[in-house]
Protein backbone atom coordinates (compact mmCIF):
# COMPACT_ATOMS: atom_id res chain seq x y z
CA MET A 1 -99.64 -67.73 -143.48
CA THR A 2 -100.03 -69.52 -140.42
CA ALA A 3 -100.65 -67.60 -137.14
CA ALA A 4 -97.00 -68.22 -135.71
CA ASP A 5 -95.58 -66.75 -139.49
CA ALA A 6 -97.75 -63.67 -138.46
CA ALA A 7 -96.73 -63.52 -135.17
CA VAL A 8 -92.96 -63.70 -136.26
CA GLU A 9 -93.47 -60.92 -138.39
CA THR A 10 -95.28 -58.70 -135.85
CA ILE A 11 -92.41 -59.45 -133.74
CA GLN A 12 -89.65 -58.35 -136.08
CA ARG A 13 -91.62 -55.44 -137.09
CA GLU A 14 -91.78 -54.26 -133.45
CA MET A 15 -88.27 -55.19 -132.49
CA THR A 16 -87.28 -52.92 -135.00
CA SER A 17 -89.51 -50.05 -134.12
CA PHE A 18 -88.39 -50.52 -130.68
CA ALA A 19 -84.95 -50.53 -131.62
CA ARG A 20 -85.24 -47.28 -133.72
CA ARG A 21 -86.83 -45.38 -130.75
CA ALA A 22 -84.23 -46.66 -128.49
CA ARG A 23 -81.53 -45.22 -130.74
CA ALA A 24 -83.44 -41.90 -131.03
CA SER A 25 -83.96 -41.59 -127.41
CA ALA A 26 -80.57 -42.25 -126.43
CA GLY A 27 -79.43 -38.93 -128.41
CA ARG A 28 -82.08 -36.74 -126.71
CA MET A 29 -81.25 -38.05 -123.50
CA HIS A 30 -77.45 -36.87 -123.82
CA PRO A 31 -76.25 -35.76 -127.33
CA GLU A 32 -72.81 -36.99 -127.21
CA LEU A 33 -73.98 -40.43 -125.67
CA SER A 34 -75.25 -42.72 -128.65
CA LEU A 35 -76.92 -45.95 -127.78
CA VAL A 36 -74.03 -48.04 -128.36
CA SER A 37 -71.74 -45.76 -126.19
CA TYR A 38 -74.19 -46.02 -123.51
CA THR A 39 -74.49 -49.59 -123.59
CA LEU A 40 -70.51 -49.84 -123.73
CA LEU A 41 -70.43 -47.41 -120.48
CA GLY A 42 -73.33 -49.78 -118.74
CA HIS A 43 -70.96 -53.23 -119.61
CA LEU A 44 -67.86 -51.49 -118.02
CA GLU A 45 -70.00 -50.08 -114.95
CA GLU A 46 -71.55 -53.79 -114.39
CA ARG A 47 -68.18 -55.32 -114.99
CA GLY A 48 -65.90 -53.12 -112.93
CA GLY A 49 -63.86 -52.38 -116.13
CA CYS A 50 -62.83 -54.96 -118.96
CA ARG A 51 -60.42 -54.77 -122.04
CA ALA A 52 -61.88 -53.37 -125.60
CA THR A 53 -61.53 -56.87 -127.01
CA ASP A 54 -63.98 -58.07 -124.22
CA LEU A 55 -66.37 -55.66 -125.40
CA ALA A 56 -66.19 -56.31 -129.08
CA SER A 57 -66.35 -60.22 -128.37
CA HIS A 58 -69.22 -59.90 -125.61
CA TYR A 59 -71.68 -57.50 -128.12
CA ALA A 60 -70.09 -59.33 -131.66
CA LEU A 61 -68.85 -56.40 -132.59
CA ASP A 62 -65.73 -55.66 -134.94
CA LYS A 63 -62.66 -54.27 -133.12
CA SER A 64 -62.30 -51.30 -135.28
CA THR A 65 -65.86 -50.65 -134.32
CA VAL A 66 -65.18 -50.84 -130.72
CA SER A 67 -61.65 -48.74 -131.01
CA ARG A 68 -63.97 -46.04 -132.49
CA GLN A 69 -66.23 -46.20 -129.72
CA VAL A 70 -63.72 -46.39 -127.08
CA GLY A 71 -61.65 -43.53 -128.65
CA ALA A 72 -64.58 -41.12 -128.65
CA LEU A 73 -65.74 -42.16 -125.17
CA GLU A 74 -62.15 -41.36 -124.03
CA ARG A 75 -61.91 -38.22 -125.73
CA ALA A 76 -65.17 -37.28 -123.99
CA GLY A 77 -63.45 -37.93 -120.95
CA LEU A 78 -65.71 -40.77 -119.78
CA ILE A 79 -63.50 -43.64 -119.51
CA GLU A 80 -59.88 -44.19 -118.91
CA ARG A 81 -57.31 -46.89 -119.35
CA ARG A 82 -55.56 -48.67 -116.60
CA LEU A 83 -52.93 -51.05 -116.57
CA SER A 84 -54.11 -54.48 -115.29
CA PRO A 85 -53.13 -55.45 -111.72
CA GLU A 86 -52.66 -58.97 -113.20
CA ASP A 87 -50.69 -58.27 -116.22
CA ALA A 88 -49.22 -54.70 -116.84
CA ARG A 89 -49.22 -55.51 -120.69
CA VAL A 90 -52.98 -55.25 -120.56
CA GLN A 91 -55.05 -52.31 -120.63
CA VAL A 92 -58.57 -52.27 -118.93
CA LEU A 93 -61.27 -49.58 -119.55
CA HIS A 94 -62.79 -47.85 -116.57
CA LEU A 95 -65.53 -45.60 -116.27
CA THR A 96 -64.37 -42.01 -115.14
CA GLU A 97 -65.99 -39.85 -112.69
CA ALA A 98 -67.67 -37.87 -115.09
CA GLY A 99 -68.89 -41.44 -116.95
CA GLU A 100 -70.17 -42.80 -114.09
CA GLU A 101 -72.18 -39.59 -113.64
CA ILE A 102 -73.22 -39.46 -117.17
CA LEU A 103 -74.36 -43.24 -116.88
CA ALA A 104 -76.40 -42.56 -113.75
CA GLN A 105 -78.27 -39.82 -115.58
CA VAL A 106 -79.35 -41.27 -118.74
CA THR A 107 -80.30 -44.57 -116.69
CA ARG A 108 -82.56 -42.28 -114.68
CA SER A 109 -83.80 -40.63 -117.51
CA ARG A 110 -84.59 -44.16 -119.62
CA ARG A 111 -86.07 -45.91 -116.72
CA ALA A 112 -88.35 -42.88 -116.16
CA ALA A 113 -89.26 -43.25 -119.98
CA PHE A 114 -89.78 -46.95 -119.69
CA ARG A 115 -92.16 -46.67 -116.24
CA GLU A 116 -94.38 -43.31 -117.76
CA ARG A 117 -94.39 -45.68 -121.26
CA LEU A 118 -95.50 -49.10 -118.69
CA ALA A 119 -97.54 -47.13 -116.34
CA ASP A 120 -100.74 -48.60 -117.29
CA TRP A 121 -99.48 -51.87 -117.59
CA PRO A 122 -100.93 -54.83 -114.99
CA GLU A 123 -97.94 -55.95 -112.77
CA ASP A 124 -98.65 -59.59 -114.07
CA ASP A 125 -97.70 -58.11 -117.95
CA LEU A 126 -94.86 -56.45 -116.79
CA VAL A 127 -93.64 -59.81 -115.04
CA ARG A 128 -94.37 -62.09 -118.27
CA PHE A 129 -92.96 -59.42 -120.45
CA ALA A 130 -89.35 -59.10 -118.70
CA ALA A 131 -89.54 -62.73 -118.56
CA TYR A 132 -89.84 -62.86 -122.60
CA LEU A 133 -87.40 -60.32 -123.25
CA GLU A 134 -84.87 -62.23 -121.24
CA ARG A 135 -85.78 -65.47 -122.80
CA TYR A 136 -85.53 -64.19 -126.13
CA ASN A 137 -82.14 -62.33 -125.38
CA ALA A 138 -80.67 -65.51 -123.82
CA GLY A 139 -81.43 -67.75 -126.90
CA SER A 140 -80.43 -65.22 -129.60
CA ALA A 141 -77.22 -63.72 -128.65
CA GLY A 142 -74.77 -63.13 -131.44
CA GLN A 143 -77.47 -64.39 -134.19
CA ALA A 144 -77.83 -62.37 -137.51
CA GLY A 145 -80.81 -59.58 -137.30
CA ASP A 146 -79.79 -58.94 -133.51
């Protein structure tokens, strides 16, 4: 095995561990808010609302998966459907006030956890790590294993 092969194996293992930790910590930060739900709420906030089909397309998820998540978020009172001002046939998903509050609370908790975990890293390492993650995610969107 080459050094590059060993590095890829290590990256795969560590990314899997990271994903498991992220899923587990999402439940601890807010029991009703899964990592997927948190991600969808964040996307709605960032975009100022969007259609469910846009969420499915952006995250390369099956429409039925997004539909279940959206239904759960609606029942929890975290999102609502509004008619699009451009086309009354289109429903756009938006955060409710409760959704905004929960998202802000979980985001604060997640940031604090990251800051704590990375507290002893030198600034140069943090900057490089952030750039590597951006590069990885930009080059791998929608590929198998994500």
